[in-house]
Amino acid sequence: MTVFHPRRAARVLLVDASGRVLLFQGIDPARPGHRYWFTPGGGLTPGESPAAGAARELAEETGLRLTPAELGGSVRSETVEFPFDGVWYRQEQEFFVVRVPTWEVDTAGFDEIERASVTGHRWWSAAELADTAERCYPADLAALLTQVLAAAPAPEASC
């Protein structure tokens, strides 16, 4: 019988002006051959709201500093089950969308686990996500990105 550790998390769809989403490539330390792509974000601290956790994680993992209010409301809530480093988690998570013209990712705020398990990052279009054979989380990320882009088109550039 699998014992799941409960976890609350917040994730961010960081989308650039070209409609591409930032993903990190990771490995599971207990299963080094298990590679995958995932959105910025992570576990919430006790008592932390999802928006506050998303803002904190975004700053730590990308260097982009926003207030929880600047994130707006979540665009998706879900519960997922997964193993990481030999532990099974049942994670309740919320996704937020942040639109930027462009962003130079700064991973200086990574913690020890992130430094050991994140091997890179890149920006992905919905078409690239739909066509890739690589493992991405959430599994329906291409559809989610398409939905998000249709609901909130990129803001027009100011002169």
Protein backbone atom coordinates (compact mmCIF):
# COMPACT_ATOMS: atom_id res chain seq x y z
CA MET A 1 0.00 0.00 0.00
CA THR A 2 1.33 3.40 -1.01
CA VAL A 3 1.41 5.99 1.74
CA PHE A 4 0.94 9.51 0.36
CA HIS A 5 2.35 12.57 2.08
CA PRO A 6 -0.08 15.50 1.74
CA ARG A 7 1.36 18.64 0.22
CA ARG A 8 -0.03 21.99 -0.90
CA ALA A 9 1.65 23.79 -3.78
CA ALA A 10 1.38 26.71 -6.17
CA ARG A 11 2.65 26.72 -9.73
CA VAL A 12 3.13 29.51 -12.26
CA LEU A 13 2.63 29.57 -16.01
CA LEU A 14 5.21 32.25 -16.85
CA VAL A 15 4.36 33.25 -20.42
CA ASP A 16 6.41 35.55 -22.65
CA ALA A 17 5.23 37.90 -25.42
CA SER A 18 5.56 35.08 -27.97
CA GLY A 19 3.10 32.94 -26.00
CA ARG A 20 5.79 30.55 -24.77
CA VAL A 21 5.76 29.12 -21.26
CA LEU A 22 8.88 28.70 -19.12
CA LEU A 23 9.60 25.13 -18.01
CA PHE A 24 12.40 23.66 -15.96
CA GLN A 25 13.89 20.28 -16.77
CA GLY A 26 14.26 18.02 -13.78
CA ILE A 27 15.30 14.59 -12.66
CA ASP A 28 14.12 12.55 -9.71
CA PRO A 29 17.18 11.88 -7.48
CA ALA A 30 15.81 8.40 -6.66
CA ARG A 31 15.25 7.69 -10.37
CA PRO A 32 17.98 9.56 -12.31
CA GLY A 33 16.67 8.30 -15.67
CA HIS A 34 13.25 9.85 -15.01
CA ARG A 35 13.49 13.24 -16.75
CA TYR A 36 10.64 15.68 -17.08
CA TRP A 37 9.71 19.32 -17.69
CA PHE A 38 7.66 21.31 -15.16
CA THR A 39 6.44 24.81 -14.39
CA PRO A 40 8.00 27.08 -11.76
CA GLY A 41 6.47 26.69 -8.32
CA GLY A 42 6.53 24.42 -5.33
CA GLY A 43 5.31 23.59 -1.88
CA LEU A 44 3.60 26.09 0.36
CA THR A 45 4.79 26.83 3.87
CA PRO A 46 2.27 26.32 6.71
CA GLY A 47 -0.37 29.06 6.59
CA GLU A 48 0.89 30.46 3.26
CA SER A 49 -1.76 31.30 0.66
CA PRO A 50 -1.37 29.84 -2.84
CA ALA A 51 -0.83 33.33 -4.33
CA ALA A 52 1.84 34.18 -1.73
CA GLY A 53 3.55 30.83 -2.33
CA ALA A 54 3.43 31.29 -6.11
CA ALA A 55 4.98 34.76 -5.79
CA ARG A 56 7.70 33.46 -3.43
CA GLU A 57 8.51 30.46 -5.63
CA LEU A 58 8.57 32.62 -8.77
CA ALA A 59 11.11 34.96 -7.14
CA GLU A 60 13.26 32.08 -5.85
CA GLU A 61 13.26 30.10 -9.09
CA THR A 62 13.28 32.82 -11.77
CA GLY A 63 14.28 36.08 -10.07
CA LEU A 64 10.95 37.70 -11.06
CA ARG A 65 9.53 39.51 -8.03
CA LEU A 66 5.79 40.14 -7.94
CA THR A 67 3.31 40.65 -5.14
CA PRO A 68 0.59 38.03 -4.61
CA ALA A 69 -1.97 40.62 -5.78
CA GLU A 70 -0.11 41.02 -9.09
CA LEU A 71 -0.66 37.31 -9.80
CA GLY A 72 -4.43 37.62 -9.82
CA GLY A 73 -6.58 34.55 -9.24
CA SER A 74 -5.64 30.99 -9.95
CA VAL A 75 -6.59 29.58 -13.35
CA ARG A 76 -6.63 25.93 -12.30
CA SER A 77 -6.76 23.75 -9.20
CA GLU A 78 -5.96 20.05 -9.18
CA THR A 79 -4.77 17.19 -7.03
CA VAL A 80 -1.89 15.06 -8.33
CA GLU A 81 -0.05 12.04 -6.95
CA PHE A 82 3.61 11.46 -7.71
CA PRO A 83 6.86 10.09 -6.31
CA PHE A 84 9.93 12.25 -5.76
CA ASP A 85 13.17 11.12 -4.16
CA GLY A 86 11.56 7.94 -2.82
CA VAL A 87 8.53 9.66 -1.25
CA TRP A 88 4.97 9.56 -2.63
CA TYR A 89 3.06 12.84 -2.51
CA ARG A 90 -0.61 13.75 -2.90
CA GLN A 91 -0.37 17.39 -3.87
CA GLU A 92 -3.17 19.92 -4.03
CA GLN A 93 -1.93 22.65 -6.35
CA GLU A 94 -3.11 25.86 -7.94
CA PHE A 95 -1.80 27.44 -11.13
CA PHE A 96 -1.36 31.16 -11.74
CA VAL A 97 -0.53 32.95 -14.99
CA VAL A 98 2.06 35.70 -15.32
CA ARG A 99 2.59 37.46 -18.65
CA VAL A 100 5.95 39.14 -19.32
CA PRO A 101 7.33 40.73 -22.50
CA THR A 102 10.53 38.73 -21.96
CA TRP A 103 12.44 37.47 -18.94
CA GLU A 104 16.05 36.46 -18.25
CA VAL A 105 15.73 33.55 -15.81
CA ASP A 106 17.84 33.87 -12.65
CA THR A 107 18.07 30.62 -10.67
CA ALA A 108 20.32 32.03 -7.91
CA GLY A 109 17.47 31.47 -5.43
CA PHE A 110 17.34 27.70 -5.99
CA ASP A 111 17.50 25.63 -2.82
CA GLU A 112 19.73 22.56 -2.41
CA ILE A 113 17.14 20.13 -3.80
CA GLU A 114 16.49 22.33 -6.84
CA ARG A 115 20.21 22.71 -7.55
CA ALA A 116 20.54 18.90 -7.44
CA SER A 117 17.43 18.03 -9.46
CA VAL A 118 16.93 20.85 -12.01
CA THR A 119 19.13 20.43 -15.07
CA GLY A 120 17.99 23.34 -17.26
CA HIS A 121 15.16 25.50 -18.50
CA ARG A 122 13.64 26.67 -21.76
CA TRP A 123 10.61 28.45 -23.18
CA TRP A 124 8.04 26.22 -24.94
CA SER A 125 5.22 27.10 -27.33
CA ALA A 126 1.91 25.24 -27.15
CA ALA A 127 2.71 23.62 -30.51
CA GLU A 128 6.08 22.38 -29.22
CA LEU A 129 4.41 20.98 -26.12
CA ALA A 130 1.76 19.23 -28.21
CA ASP A 131 4.42 17.68 -30.49
CA THR A 132 7.04 16.63 -27.95
CA ALA A 133 7.60 13.08 -26.80
CA GLU A 134 9.25 14.41 -23.63
CA ARG A 135 7.43 14.13 -20.31
CA CYS A 136 5.84 17.43 -19.20
CA TYR A 137 3.77 18.23 -16.13
CA PRO A 138 0.93 18.77 -16.05
CA ALA A 139 0.36 16.19 -18.80
CA ASP A 140 -2.19 18.44 -20.55
CA LEU A 141 0.06 21.52 -20.43
CA ALA A 142 -0.27 22.21 -24.19
CA ALA A 143 -4.07 22.43 -23.87
CA LEU A 144 -3.83 24.49 -20.67
CA LEU A 145 -1.42 26.96 -22.29
CA THR A 146 -3.68 27.25 -25.34
CA GLN A 147 -6.68 27.90 -23.06
CA VAL A 148 -4.77 30.51 -21.03
CA LEU A 149 -3.55 32.31 -24.16
CA ALA A 150 -7.08 32.42 -25.60
CA ALA A 151 -8.51 33.77 -22.33
CA ALA A 152 -5.86 36.44 -21.79
CA PRO A 153 -4.11 37.58 -24.94
CA ALA A 154 -0.73 39.29 -24.58
CA PRO A 155 -1.01 42.92 -23.50
CA GLU A 156 -0.26 45.44 -26.22
CA ALA A 157 3.14 47.06 -26.02
CA SER A 158 3.12 50.67 -24.93
CA CYS A 159 4.93 53.37 -26.88
